[in-house]
Amino acid sequence: MRWTDSLEIAIQLADAHPDIDPRTLRFTDLREWVMALPEFDDDPAHCGEKILEAIQMAWIEEVA
């Protein structure tokens, strides 16, 4: 899984952190949690604010 797989990342984060409201999540925490996913395998340097925003929005839609 790579940074651009925002929907798949969001699904896995929702499963891994069911008690978290993604609207209140800090990007620093989000980045760490994405990199900790077992299937995640991408360069941390390829992550930026727009990517984290896309993941956060997909997560919000996933739990809505």
N, C-alpha and C. Protein backbone atom coordinates (compact mmCIF):
# COMPACT_ATOMS: atom_id res chain seq x y z
N MET A 1 0.85 -1.16 0.00
CA MET A 1 0.00 0.00 0.00
C MET A 1 0.91 1.24 0.00
N ARG A 2 0.49 2.23 -0.77
CA ARG A 2 1.28 3.45 -0.93
C ARG A 2 0.46 4.65 -0.45
N TRP A 3 1.11 5.81 -0.33
CA TRP A 3 0.43 7.01 0.13
C TRP A 3 -0.80 7.34 -0.70
N THR A 4 -0.77 7.04 -1.98
CA THR A 4 -1.88 7.39 -2.86
C THR A 4 -3.08 6.47 -2.72
N ASP A 5 -2.96 5.41 -1.96
CA ASP A 5 -4.08 4.47 -1.74
C ASP A 5 -4.94 4.97 -0.58
N SER A 6 -5.43 6.19 -0.69
CA SER A 6 -6.10 6.84 0.44
C SER A 6 -7.34 6.08 0.92
N LEU A 7 -8.13 5.53 0.03
CA LEU A 7 -9.33 4.81 0.46
C LEU A 7 -8.96 3.55 1.23
N GLU A 8 -8.04 2.77 0.72
CA GLU A 8 -7.62 1.54 1.41
C GLU A 8 -6.99 1.88 2.76
N ILE A 9 -6.19 2.92 2.80
CA ILE A 9 -5.58 3.35 4.07
C ILE A 9 -6.68 3.75 5.05
N ALA A 10 -7.66 4.50 4.57
CA ALA A 10 -8.76 4.95 5.44
C ALA A 10 -9.53 3.76 6.01
N ILE A 11 -9.79 2.77 5.19
CA ILE A 11 -10.51 1.58 5.65
C ILE A 11 -9.72 0.87 6.74
N GLN A 12 -8.42 0.70 6.51
CA GLN A 12 -7.60 0.02 7.50
C GLN A 12 -7.47 0.83 8.79
N LEU A 13 -7.37 2.15 8.67
CA LEU A 13 -7.29 2.98 9.87
C LEU A 13 -8.60 2.94 10.66
N ALA A 14 -9.72 2.95 9.97
CA ALA A 14 -11.02 2.87 10.63
C ALA A 14 -11.15 1.56 11.40
N ASP A 15 -10.64 0.46 10.81
CA ASP A 15 -10.67 -0.83 11.50
C ASP A 15 -9.71 -0.86 12.68
N ALA A 16 -8.54 -0.25 12.52
CA ALA A 16 -7.51 -0.29 13.56
C ALA A 16 -7.81 0.67 14.72
N HIS A 17 -8.54 1.75 14.43
CA HIS A 17 -8.80 2.77 15.45
C HIS A 17 -10.29 3.12 15.45
N PRO A 18 -11.15 2.18 15.85
CA PRO A 18 -12.61 2.41 15.74
C PRO A 18 -13.13 3.51 16.67
N ASP A 19 -12.41 3.85 17.72
CA ASP A 19 -12.89 4.85 18.67
C ASP A 19 -12.41 6.26 18.36
N ILE A 20 -11.68 6.42 17.26
CA ILE A 20 -11.11 7.72 16.91
C ILE A 20 -12.04 8.46 15.93
N ASP A 21 -12.26 9.73 16.21
CA ASP A 21 -12.99 10.59 15.28
C ASP A 21 -11.94 11.21 14.35
N PRO A 22 -11.92 10.84 13.07
CA PRO A 22 -10.88 11.34 12.17
C PRO A 22 -10.92 12.85 11.96
N ARG A 23 -12.02 13.49 12.31
CA ARG A 23 -12.11 14.95 12.16
C ARG A 23 -11.25 15.68 13.19
N THR A 24 -10.91 15.01 14.29
CA THR A 24 -10.14 15.66 15.35
C THR A 24 -8.68 15.20 15.37
N LEU A 25 -8.28 14.44 14.40
CA LEU A 25 -6.95 13.85 14.37
C LEU A 25 -5.90 14.83 13.86
N ARG A 26 -4.77 14.87 14.53
CA ARG A 26 -3.65 15.70 14.06
C ARG A 26 -2.93 14.97 12.93
N PHE A 27 -2.44 15.72 11.96
CA PHE A 27 -1.74 15.11 10.83
C PHE A 27 -0.48 14.36 11.26
N THR A 28 0.17 14.82 12.31
CA THR A 28 1.37 14.11 12.78
C THR A 28 1.00 12.70 13.25
N ASP A 29 -0.12 12.58 13.96
CA ASP A 29 -0.58 11.26 14.40
C ASP A 29 -1.03 10.42 13.21
N LEU A 30 -1.77 11.03 12.31
CA LEU A 30 -2.25 10.32 11.13
C LEU A 30 -1.09 9.74 10.33
N ARG A 31 -0.07 10.52 10.13
CA ARG A 31 1.11 10.07 9.38
C ARG A 31 1.76 8.86 10.06
N GLU A 32 1.91 8.93 11.37
CA GLU A 32 2.51 7.82 12.12
C GLU A 32 1.65 6.57 12.03
N TRP A 33 0.34 6.72 12.15
CA TRP A 33 -0.55 5.57 12.09
C TRP A 33 -0.54 4.92 10.71
N VAL A 34 -0.49 5.73 9.67
CA VAL A 34 -0.42 5.18 8.31
C VAL A 34 0.87 4.37 8.15
N MET A 35 1.98 4.92 8.57
CA MET A 35 3.25 4.23 8.41
C MET A 35 3.32 2.96 9.26
N ALA A 36 2.51 2.87 10.31
CA ALA A 36 2.49 1.69 11.17
C ALA A 36 1.59 0.57 10.63
N LEU A 37 0.79 0.86 9.61
CA LEU A 37 -0.07 -0.19 9.05
C LEU A 37 0.79 -1.31 8.47
N PRO A 38 0.42 -2.57 8.74
CA PRO A 38 1.24 -3.70 8.28
C PRO A 38 1.47 -3.76 6.77
N GLU A 39 0.48 -3.38 5.99
CA GLU A 39 0.60 -3.48 4.54
C GLU A 39 1.19 -2.23 3.89
N PHE A 40 1.46 -1.21 4.69
CA PHE A 40 1.98 0.04 4.14
C PHE A 40 3.46 -0.10 3.81
N ASP A 41 3.82 0.28 2.58
CA ASP A 41 5.21 0.17 2.15
C ASP A 41 5.51 1.28 1.14
N ASP A 42 5.76 2.48 1.67
CA ASP A 42 6.08 3.61 0.81
C ASP A 42 7.07 4.51 1.54
N ASP A 43 7.70 5.35 0.80
CA ASP A 43 8.71 6.26 1.33
C ASP A 43 8.04 7.35 2.16
N PRO A 44 8.42 7.51 3.44
CA PRO A 44 7.82 8.56 4.26
C PRO A 44 8.01 9.96 3.66
N ALA A 45 9.03 10.15 2.88
CA ALA A 45 9.28 11.46 2.27
C ALA A 45 8.25 11.81 1.19
N HIS A 46 7.50 10.83 0.72
CA HIS A 46 6.50 11.09 -0.31
C HIS A 46 5.17 11.58 0.25
N CYS A 47 5.12 11.77 1.54
CA CYS A 47 3.89 12.21 2.19
C CYS A 47 3.88 13.72 2.34
N GLY A 48 2.74 14.31 2.03
CA GLY A 48 2.57 15.75 2.20
C GLY A 48 1.19 16.05 2.76
N GLU A 49 0.93 17.31 2.99
CA GLU A 49 -0.34 17.72 3.58
C GLU A 49 -1.54 17.31 2.73
N LYS A 50 -1.42 17.44 1.42
CA LYS A 50 -2.55 17.08 0.54
C LYS A 50 -2.86 15.59 0.63
N ILE A 51 -1.85 14.77 0.73
CA ILE A 51 -2.07 13.32 0.86
C ILE A 51 -2.75 13.02 2.18
N LEU A 52 -2.28 13.63 3.26
CA LEU A 52 -2.90 13.40 4.56
C LEU A 52 -4.34 13.89 4.58
N GLU A 53 -4.60 15.01 3.92
CA GLU A 53 -5.98 15.50 3.82
C GLU A 53 -6.86 14.50 3.09
N ALA A 54 -6.36 13.93 2.01
CA ALA A 54 -7.13 12.95 1.24
C ALA A 54 -7.43 11.71 2.08
N ILE A 55 -6.45 11.26 2.84
CA ILE A 55 -6.66 10.10 3.72
C ILE A 55 -7.68 10.43 4.80
N GLN A 56 -7.54 11.61 5.40
CA GLN A 56 -8.48 12.02 6.45
C GLN A 56 -9.91 12.11 5.89
N MET A 57 -10.06 12.70 4.72
CA MET A 57 -11.41 12.82 4.13
C MET A 57 -12.00 11.46 3.81
N ALA A 58 -11.19 10.55 3.29
CA ALA A 58 -11.67 9.20 3.00
C ALA A 58 -12.08 8.49 4.28
N TRP A 59 -11.33 8.70 5.36
CA TRP A 59 -11.65 8.09 6.64
C TRP A 59 -12.97 8.66 7.19
N ILE A 60 -13.14 9.97 7.07
CA ILE A 60 -14.40 10.60 7.52
C ILE A 60 -15.57 10.01 6.76
N GLU A 61 -15.45 9.86 5.46
CA GLU A 61 -16.53 9.27 4.65
C GLU A 61 -16.76 7.81 5.01
N GLU A 62 -15.69 7.11 5.34
CA GLU A 62 -15.80 5.69 5.69
C GLU A 62 -16.62 5.47 6.97
N VAL A 63 -16.44 6.34 7.93
CA VAL A 63 -17.13 6.15 9.20
C VAL A 63 -18.46 6.89 9.28
N ALA A 64 -18.78 7.66 8.26
CA ALA A 64 -20.04 8.42 8.27
C ALA A 64 -21.24 7.53 8.03
